[in-house]
N, C-alpha and C. Protein backbone atom coordinates (compact mmCIF):
# COMPACT_ATOMS: atom_id res chain seq x y z
N UNK A 1 0.84 -1.17 0.00
CA UNK A 1 0.00 0.00 0.00
C UNK A 1 0.89 1.24 0.00
N UNK A 2 0.52 2.23 -0.80
CA UNK A 2 1.25 3.49 -0.86
C UNK A 2 0.48 4.54 -0.07
N UNK A 3 1.18 5.15 0.89
CA UNK A 3 0.58 6.16 1.75
C UNK A 3 1.32 7.47 1.54
N UNK A 4 0.57 8.54 1.33
CA UNK A 4 1.13 9.88 1.20
C UNK A 4 0.70 10.68 2.41
N UNK A 5 1.67 11.13 3.20
CA UNK A 5 1.41 11.95 4.38
C UNK A 5 1.82 13.37 4.08
N UNK A 6 0.89 14.28 4.23
CA UNK A 6 1.18 15.71 4.05
C UNK A 6 1.08 16.38 5.41
N UNK A 7 2.06 17.24 5.69
CA UNK A 7 2.10 17.90 6.99
C UNK A 7 2.93 17.12 7.99
N UNK A 8 3.96 16.45 7.53
CA UNK A 8 4.76 15.59 8.42
C UNK A 8 5.59 16.37 9.42
N UNK A 9 5.72 17.67 9.25
CA UNK A 9 6.53 18.46 10.17
C UNK A 9 5.79 18.98 11.38
N UNK A 10 4.48 18.86 11.40
CA UNK A 10 3.70 19.33 12.54
C UNK A 10 3.62 18.28 13.63
N UNK A 11 2.97 18.64 14.75
CA UNK A 11 2.87 17.72 15.88
C UNK A 11 2.17 16.42 15.50
N UNK A 12 1.03 16.53 14.86
CA UNK A 12 0.28 15.34 14.46
C UNK A 12 1.04 14.58 13.38
N UNK A 13 1.51 15.30 12.39
CA UNK A 13 2.23 14.66 11.29
C UNK A 13 3.48 13.93 11.71
N UNK A 14 4.20 14.50 12.66
CA UNK A 14 5.42 13.86 13.15
C UNK A 14 5.12 12.49 13.75
N UNK A 15 4.07 12.42 14.56
CA UNK A 15 3.68 11.14 15.16
C UNK A 15 3.11 10.19 14.11
N UNK A 16 2.39 10.73 13.14
CA UNK A 16 1.81 9.88 12.09
C UNK A 16 2.89 9.20 11.25
N UNK A 17 4.01 9.86 11.05
CA UNK A 17 5.09 9.22 10.28
C UNK A 17 5.46 7.88 10.87
N UNK A 18 5.64 7.86 12.18
CA UNK A 18 6.02 6.61 12.85
C UNK A 18 4.88 5.59 12.81
N UNK A 19 3.65 6.06 12.97
CA UNK A 19 2.52 5.14 13.01
C UNK A 19 2.19 4.56 11.64
N UNK A 20 2.39 5.35 10.59
CA UNK A 20 2.02 4.91 9.24
C UNK A 20 3.11 4.10 8.54
N UNK A 21 4.35 4.27 8.94
CA UNK A 21 5.47 3.61 8.26
C UNK A 21 5.29 2.10 8.11
N UNK A 22 4.80 1.38 9.12
CA UNK A 22 4.66 -0.08 8.97
C UNK A 22 3.56 -0.52 8.00
N UNK A 23 2.72 0.41 7.55
CA UNK A 23 1.58 0.03 6.71
C UNK A 23 1.93 -0.19 5.24
N UNK A 24 3.10 0.25 4.84
CA UNK A 24 3.48 0.11 3.43
C UNK A 24 4.51 1.15 3.07
N UNK A 25 4.51 1.55 1.81
CA UNK A 25 5.46 2.56 1.34
C UNK A 25 4.93 3.94 1.72
N UNK A 26 5.65 4.63 2.61
CA UNK A 26 5.23 5.94 3.10
C UNK A 26 6.05 7.03 2.44
N UNK A 27 5.36 7.99 1.84
CA UNK A 27 5.99 9.22 1.35
C UNK A 27 5.49 10.33 2.25
N UNK A 28 6.41 10.97 2.96
CA UNK A 28 6.05 12.04 3.89
C UNK A 28 6.60 13.35 3.38
N UNK A 29 5.76 14.37 3.38
CA UNK A 29 6.20 15.67 2.91
C UNK A 29 5.55 16.77 3.72
N UNK A 30 6.17 17.95 3.63
CA UNK A 30 5.72 19.09 4.40
C UNK A 30 6.17 20.35 3.68
N UNK A 31 5.74 21.48 4.18
CA UNK A 31 6.16 22.77 3.63
C UNK A 31 7.67 22.90 3.61
N UNK A 32 8.31 22.43 4.65
CA UNK A 32 9.77 22.49 4.77
C UNK A 32 10.36 21.10 4.83
N UNK A 33 10.00 20.24 3.92
CA UNK A 33 10.42 18.84 3.98
C UNK A 33 11.94 18.73 4.10
N UNK A 34 12.42 18.38 5.31
CA UNK A 34 13.85 18.18 5.50
C UNK A 34 14.21 16.71 5.44
N UNK A 35 15.48 16.46 5.37
CA UNK A 35 15.97 15.09 5.53
C UNK A 35 15.81 14.22 4.31
N UNK A 36 16.33 13.01 4.39
CA UNK A 36 16.37 12.10 3.25
C UNK A 36 15.03 11.43 2.95
N UNK A 37 14.03 11.55 3.84
CA UNK A 37 12.78 10.82 3.61
C UNK A 37 11.96 11.40 2.47
N UNK A 38 12.29 12.58 1.99
CA UNK A 38 11.53 13.16 0.88
C UNK A 38 12.46 13.97 -0.02
N UNK A 39 12.26 13.84 -1.29
CA UNK A 39 13.05 14.58 -2.26
C UNK A 39 12.60 16.04 -2.29
N UNK A 40 13.46 16.97 -2.73
CA UNK A 40 13.09 18.38 -2.76
C UNK A 40 11.82 18.66 -3.57
N UNK A 41 11.56 17.87 -4.61
CA UNK A 41 10.36 18.12 -5.42
C UNK A 41 9.08 17.71 -4.70
N UNK A 42 9.20 17.15 -3.50
CA UNK A 42 8.03 16.77 -2.73
C UNK A 42 7.76 17.75 -1.59
N UNK A 43 8.16 18.98 -1.77
CA UNK A 43 7.87 20.03 -0.79
C UNK A 43 6.40 20.41 -0.96
N UNK A 44 5.59 20.09 0.05
CA UNK A 44 4.14 20.30 -0.03
C UNK A 44 3.76 21.67 0.52
N UNK A 45 3.81 22.66 -0.34
CA UNK A 45 3.46 24.04 0.03
C UNK A 45 1.98 24.25 -0.26
N UNK A 46 1.15 24.24 0.77
CA UNK A 46 -0.30 24.34 0.60
C UNK A 46 -0.75 25.70 0.09
N UNK A 47 0.18 26.67 -0.01
CA UNK A 47 -0.17 27.93 -0.65
C UNK A 47 -0.02 27.83 -2.17
N UNK A 48 0.47 26.68 -2.62
CA UNK A 48 0.65 26.40 -4.05
C UNK A 48 -0.13 25.13 -4.39
N UNK A 49 -1.45 25.21 -4.53
CA UNK A 49 -2.25 23.99 -4.71
C UNK A 49 -1.80 23.11 -5.88
N UNK A 50 -1.41 23.70 -6.97
CA UNK A 50 -0.98 22.88 -8.13
C UNK A 50 0.26 22.07 -7.80
N UNK A 51 1.15 22.63 -7.00
CA UNK A 51 2.35 21.90 -6.57
C UNK A 51 1.95 20.70 -5.73
N UNK A 52 1.01 20.90 -4.83
CA UNK A 52 0.55 19.82 -3.96
C UNK A 52 -0.14 18.73 -4.79
N UNK A 53 -0.97 19.14 -5.74
CA UNK A 53 -1.64 18.17 -6.60
C UNK A 53 -0.65 17.40 -7.45
N UNK A 54 0.44 18.05 -7.86
CA UNK A 54 1.48 17.36 -8.63
C UNK A 54 2.11 16.25 -7.80
N UNK A 55 2.25 16.48 -6.51
CA UNK A 55 2.79 15.43 -5.64
C UNK A 55 1.84 14.25 -5.58
N UNK A 56 0.56 14.53 -5.39
CA UNK A 56 -0.44 13.46 -5.34
C UNK A 56 -0.40 12.65 -6.64
N UNK A 57 -0.35 13.34 -7.76
CA UNK A 57 -0.32 12.65 -9.06
C UNK A 57 0.95 11.84 -9.24
N UNK A 58 2.07 12.35 -8.76
CA UNK A 58 3.34 11.63 -8.90
C UNK A 58 3.39 10.39 -8.02
N UNK A 59 2.88 10.50 -6.80
CA UNK A 59 2.95 9.39 -5.85
C UNK A 59 1.89 8.33 -6.15
N UNK A 60 0.72 8.75 -6.64
CA UNK A 60 -0.39 7.82 -6.91
C UNK A 60 -0.70 6.97 -5.68
N UNK A 61 -0.99 7.62 -4.54
CA UNK A 61 -1.17 6.86 -3.31
C UNK A 61 -2.51 6.13 -3.23
N UNK A 62 -2.53 5.10 -2.41
CA UNK A 62 -3.78 4.42 -2.08
C UNK A 62 -4.49 5.16 -0.95
N UNK A 63 -3.68 5.78 -0.08
CA UNK A 63 -4.20 6.54 1.06
C UNK A 63 -3.45 7.86 1.13
N UNK A 64 -4.20 8.95 1.29
CA UNK A 64 -3.62 10.27 1.52
C UNK A 64 -4.00 10.67 2.93
N UNK A 65 -3.02 11.06 3.72
CA UNK A 65 -3.27 11.53 5.07
C UNK A 65 -2.87 13.01 5.10
N UNK A 66 -3.85 13.87 5.36
CA UNK A 66 -3.59 15.30 5.39
C UNK A 66 -3.58 15.81 6.82
N UNK A 67 -2.38 16.07 7.31
CA UNK A 67 -2.22 16.66 8.63
C UNK A 67 -1.71 18.09 8.52
N UNK A 68 -1.67 18.64 7.32
CA UNK A 68 -1.19 20.00 7.10
C UNK A 68 -2.29 21.00 7.42
N UNK A 69 -1.91 22.15 7.95
CA UNK A 69 -2.89 23.19 8.26
C UNK A 69 -2.18 24.50 8.61
N UNK A 70 -2.92 25.57 8.46
CA UNK A 70 -2.52 26.88 9.00
C UNK A 70 -3.00 26.83 10.44
N UNK A 71 -2.09 26.55 11.36
CA UNK A 71 -2.49 26.29 12.75
C UNK A 71 -2.27 27.47 13.69
N UNK A 72 -1.78 28.57 13.19
CA UNK A 72 -1.62 29.75 14.04
C UNK A 72 -3.00 30.40 14.20
N UNK A 73 -3.72 29.97 15.23
CA UNK A 73 -5.12 30.34 15.40
C UNK A 73 -5.29 31.85 15.44
N UNK A 74 -4.51 32.55 16.24
CA UNK A 74 -4.66 34.00 16.35
C UNK A 74 -4.23 34.71 15.06
N UNK A 75 -3.18 34.22 14.44
CA UNK A 75 -2.67 34.84 13.21
C UNK A 75 -3.66 34.67 12.06
N UNK A 76 -4.45 33.60 12.08
CA UNK A 76 -5.45 33.39 11.03
C UNK A 76 -6.44 34.53 10.96
N UNK A 77 -6.69 35.18 12.09
CA UNK A 77 -7.63 36.32 12.11
C UNK A 77 -7.15 37.45 11.21
N UNK A 78 -5.84 37.64 11.12
CA UNK A 78 -5.29 38.71 10.27
C UNK A 78 -4.87 38.21 8.90
N UNK A 79 -4.96 36.90 8.69
CA UNK A 79 -4.61 36.29 7.40
C UNK A 79 -5.72 35.35 6.92
N UNK A 80 -6.95 35.84 6.83
CA UNK A 80 -8.05 34.93 6.50
C UNK A 80 -7.91 34.28 5.13
N UNK A 81 -7.40 35.00 4.15
CA UNK A 81 -7.27 34.41 2.81
C UNK A 81 -6.22 33.31 2.80
N UNK A 82 -5.11 33.52 3.50
CA UNK A 82 -4.08 32.50 3.58
C UNK A 82 -4.59 31.27 4.35
N UNK A 83 -5.27 31.52 5.46
CA UNK A 83 -5.83 30.40 6.24
C UNK A 83 -6.82 29.60 5.39
N UNK A 84 -7.65 30.28 4.63
CA UNK A 84 -8.64 29.60 3.78
C UNK A 84 -7.95 28.78 2.69
N UNK A 85 -6.91 29.32 2.09
CA UNK A 85 -6.17 28.60 1.05
C UNK A 85 -5.58 27.31 1.61
N UNK A 86 -4.93 27.42 2.78
CA UNK A 86 -4.25 26.27 3.36
C UNK A 86 -5.22 25.27 3.98
N UNK A 87 -6.25 25.76 4.67
CA UNK A 87 -7.15 24.89 5.43
C UNK A 87 -8.37 24.41 4.67
N UNK A 88 -8.74 25.07 3.60
CA UNK A 88 -9.97 24.70 2.89
C UNK A 88 -9.75 24.43 1.41
N UNK A 89 -9.21 25.40 0.70
CA UNK A 89 -9.08 25.27 -0.76
C UNK A 89 -8.19 24.11 -1.16
N UNK A 90 -6.97 24.08 -0.65
CA UNK A 90 -6.04 23.02 -1.04
C UNK A 90 -6.53 21.64 -0.59
N UNK A 91 -7.02 21.47 0.63
CA UNK A 91 -7.57 20.16 0.99
C UNK A 91 -8.75 19.74 0.10
N UNK A 92 -9.58 20.69 -0.30
CA UNK A 92 -10.68 20.36 -1.20
C UNK A 92 -10.18 19.85 -2.54
N UNK A 93 -9.12 20.46 -3.05
CA UNK A 93 -8.54 20.01 -4.32
C UNK A 93 -7.88 18.65 -4.17
N UNK A 94 -7.22 18.42 -3.03
CA UNK A 94 -6.64 17.10 -2.77
C UNK A 94 -7.75 16.05 -2.76
N UNK A 95 -8.87 16.39 -2.14
CA UNK A 95 -10.00 15.45 -2.08
C UNK A 95 -10.52 15.12 -3.47
N UNK A 96 -10.60 16.12 -4.34
CA UNK A 96 -11.04 15.86 -5.72
C UNK A 96 -10.06 14.93 -6.42
N UNK A 97 -8.78 15.14 -6.19
CA UNK A 97 -7.76 14.27 -6.79
C UNK A 97 -7.87 12.86 -6.21
N UNK A 98 -8.12 12.76 -4.91
CA UNK A 98 -8.30 11.45 -4.27
C UNK A 98 -9.49 10.72 -4.89
N UNK A 99 -10.56 11.45 -5.17
CA UNK A 99 -11.73 10.84 -5.80
C UNK A 99 -11.37 10.27 -7.17
N UNK A 100 -10.59 11.01 -7.93
CA UNK A 100 -10.19 10.54 -9.26
C UNK A 100 -9.30 9.32 -9.18
N UNK A 101 -8.45 9.27 -8.15
CA UNK A 101 -7.52 8.13 -7.99
C UNK A 101 -8.18 6.93 -7.32
N UNK A 102 -9.31 7.16 -6.66
CA UNK A 102 -9.91 6.10 -5.86
C UNK A 102 -9.20 5.92 -4.54
N UNK A 103 -8.46 6.94 -4.12
CA UNK A 103 -7.70 6.87 -2.86
C UNK A 103 -8.58 7.26 -1.68
N UNK A 104 -8.25 6.74 -0.53
CA UNK A 104 -8.88 7.13 0.72
C UNK A 104 -8.17 8.37 1.23
N UNK A 105 -8.92 9.38 1.64
CA UNK A 105 -8.34 10.58 2.22
C UNK A 105 -8.67 10.61 3.72
N UNK A 106 -7.63 10.69 4.53
CA UNK A 106 -7.77 10.87 5.97
C UNK A 106 -7.39 12.33 6.24
N UNK A 107 -8.37 13.10 6.67
CA UNK A 107 -8.18 14.55 6.83
C UNK A 107 -8.31 14.93 8.30
N UNK A 108 -7.30 15.63 8.82
CA UNK A 108 -7.32 16.06 10.21
C UNK A 108 -7.88 17.46 10.30
N UNK A 109 -8.88 17.62 11.17
CA UNK A 109 -9.50 18.90 11.41
C UNK A 109 -9.31 19.25 12.89
N UNK A 110 -10.26 19.97 13.46
CA UNK A 110 -10.08 20.50 14.80
C UNK A 110 -11.41 20.65 15.53
N UNK A 111 -11.34 20.71 16.85
CA UNK A 111 -12.53 20.99 17.63
C UNK A 111 -12.90 22.48 17.57
N UNK A 112 -12.08 23.29 16.94
CA UNK A 112 -12.41 24.71 16.76
C UNK A 112 -13.58 24.91 15.80
N UNK A 113 -14.05 23.85 15.17
CA UNK A 113 -15.26 23.97 14.34
C UNK A 113 -16.50 24.11 15.22
N UNK A 114 -16.35 23.90 16.53
CA UNK A 114 -17.44 24.07 17.49
C UNK A 114 -17.30 25.42 18.19
N UNK A 115 -18.28 25.75 19.01
CA UNK A 115 -18.29 27.06 19.67
C UNK A 115 -17.61 27.09 21.03
N UNK A 116 -17.01 26.00 21.43
CA UNK A 116 -16.31 25.96 22.70
C UNK A 116 -17.16 25.57 23.89
N UNK A 117 -18.45 25.45 23.70
CA UNK A 117 -19.31 25.04 24.81
C UNK A 117 -19.29 23.52 24.94
N UNK A 118 -19.77 23.04 26.05
CA UNK A 118 -19.83 21.60 26.25
C UNK A 118 -18.54 21.06 26.84
N UNK A 119 -18.64 19.87 27.39
CA UNK A 119 -17.47 19.27 28.02
C UNK A 119 -17.20 17.86 27.54
N UNK A 120 -18.13 17.27 26.83
CA UNK A 120 -17.97 15.89 26.40
C UNK A 120 -17.63 15.77 24.93
N UNK A 121 -17.34 14.55 24.52
CA UNK A 121 -17.07 14.31 23.11
C UNK A 121 -18.32 14.55 22.27
N UNK A 122 -18.13 14.85 21.01
CA UNK A 122 -19.24 15.09 20.08
C UNK A 122 -19.10 14.14 18.91
N UNK A 123 -20.23 13.77 18.34
CA UNK A 123 -20.16 12.93 17.15
C UNK A 123 -20.23 13.79 15.90
N UNK A 124 -20.13 13.14 14.76
CA UNK A 124 -20.05 13.88 13.50
C UNK A 124 -21.31 14.66 13.16
N UNK A 125 -22.43 14.36 13.81
CA UNK A 125 -23.66 15.09 13.52
C UNK A 125 -23.86 16.30 14.43
N UNK A 126 -22.96 16.52 15.38
CA UNK A 126 -23.09 17.66 16.30
C UNK A 126 -23.03 18.97 15.51
N UNK A 127 -23.86 19.92 15.88
CA UNK A 127 -23.85 21.21 15.17
C UNK A 127 -22.51 21.93 15.33
N UNK A 128 -22.08 22.56 14.28
CA UNK A 128 -20.84 23.33 14.30
C UNK A 128 -21.18 24.81 14.40
N UNK A 129 -20.25 25.58 14.97
CA UNK A 129 -20.43 27.03 15.10
C UNK A 129 -19.07 27.65 15.42
N UNK A 130 -18.15 27.64 14.44
CA UNK A 130 -16.82 28.16 14.72
C UNK A 130 -16.85 29.64 15.11
N UNK A 131 -15.97 30.00 16.04
CA UNK A 131 -15.90 31.37 16.54
C UNK A 131 -14.71 32.15 15.99
N UNK A 132 -13.91 31.50 15.15
CA UNK A 132 -12.68 32.13 14.65
C UNK A 132 -12.50 31.82 13.18
N UNK A 133 -11.64 32.59 12.54
CA UNK A 133 -11.29 32.34 11.15
C UNK A 133 -10.68 30.94 11.02
N UNK A 134 -9.82 30.58 11.97
CA UNK A 134 -9.22 29.25 11.94
C UNK A 134 -10.30 28.18 11.93
N UNK A 135 -11.21 28.23 12.87
CA UNK A 135 -12.28 27.24 12.95
C UNK A 135 -13.15 27.24 11.71
N UNK A 136 -13.48 28.43 11.21
CA UNK A 136 -14.31 28.52 10.01
C UNK A 136 -13.62 27.91 8.80
N UNK A 137 -12.32 28.19 8.64
CA UNK A 137 -11.62 27.65 7.46
C UNK A 137 -11.41 26.14 7.58
N UNK A 138 -11.22 25.65 8.80
CA UNK A 138 -11.12 24.19 8.96
C UNK A 138 -12.46 23.52 8.66
N UNK A 139 -13.57 24.15 9.06
CA UNK A 139 -14.89 23.62 8.73
C UNK A 139 -15.10 23.63 7.22
N UNK A 140 -14.70 24.70 6.56
CA UNK A 140 -14.81 24.77 5.10
C UNK A 140 -13.99 23.65 4.45
N UNK A 141 -12.84 23.34 5.02
CA UNK A 141 -12.04 22.23 4.51
C UNK A 141 -12.76 20.91 4.65
N UNK A 142 -13.37 20.68 5.79
CA UNK A 142 -14.16 19.46 6.00
C UNK A 142 -15.28 19.37 4.97
N UNK A 143 -15.97 20.47 4.77
CA UNK A 143 -17.09 20.49 3.82
C UNK A 143 -16.61 20.22 2.40
N UNK A 144 -15.45 20.76 2.03
CA UNK A 144 -14.91 20.52 0.69
C UNK A 144 -14.52 19.06 0.51
N UNK A 145 -13.94 18.47 1.53
CA UNK A 145 -13.58 17.05 1.47
C UNK A 145 -14.84 16.21 1.29
N UNK A 146 -15.85 16.47 2.10
CA UNK A 146 -17.10 15.70 2.02
C UNK A 146 -17.79 15.89 0.67
N UNK A 147 -17.75 17.10 0.13
CA UNK A 147 -18.42 17.38 -1.14
C UNK A 147 -17.70 16.78 -2.35
N UNK A 148 -16.44 16.41 -2.18
CA UNK A 148 -15.65 15.91 -3.31
C UNK A 148 -16.11 14.55 -3.81
N UNK A 149 -16.76 13.80 -2.94
CA UNK A 149 -17.17 12.45 -3.32
C UNK A 149 -16.09 11.40 -3.09
N UNK A 150 -14.93 11.80 -2.57
CA UNK A 150 -13.89 10.80 -2.32
C UNK A 150 -14.24 10.00 -1.06
N UNK A 151 -13.65 8.81 -0.97
CA UNK A 151 -13.74 8.06 0.28
C UNK A 151 -12.90 8.85 1.29
N UNK A 152 -13.46 9.09 2.45
CA UNK A 152 -12.73 9.92 3.40
C UNK A 152 -13.09 9.63 4.85
N UNK A 153 -12.17 10.00 5.71
CA UNK A 153 -12.37 10.04 7.15
C UNK A 153 -11.92 11.43 7.59
N UNK A 154 -12.70 12.07 8.44
CA UNK A 154 -12.33 13.37 8.99
C UNK A 154 -12.21 13.23 10.50
N UNK A 155 -11.06 13.58 11.04
CA UNK A 155 -10.82 13.52 12.47
C UNK A 155 -10.76 14.93 13.03
N UNK A 156 -11.62 15.22 13.99
CA UNK A 156 -11.61 16.50 14.67
C UNK A 156 -10.84 16.31 15.97
N UNK A 157 -9.63 16.83 16.02
CA UNK A 157 -8.78 16.64 17.18
C UNK A 157 -8.76 17.90 18.03
N UNK A 158 -8.36 17.76 19.28
CA UNK A 158 -8.24 18.93 20.16
C UNK A 158 -6.89 18.91 20.82
């Protein structure tokens, strides 16, 4: 099985590299892909959607794991267009590519899609009400993934 991990330099992505490696051939990339595990042409800059899609097309993965995001919650308020590009637009395009390939997309989102109330876990049907640009753009990313028609799993982490 070929697995493509995007966002390997973040907290979630770093741990996913170790967890996914035993599943098959893992290609891990990030905005600043360092080290021998990825070639320079596999730099996944989510501000350049065509570059990211070129990686997906080159790897032809069975599974795409997207752990990349604009995670600077406060900074997203002053950079809404950048946050939307990274958190919604590019993941939506990846999902469309996954649909064409027949690949499974595992997309990591956030509990910021909710309004912060409540203390217990929520299921996928719980109403969303993001209070920030970050939360709104992550919700838009979820919606784009779901609308693409690809096989997908969305994880809302906190």
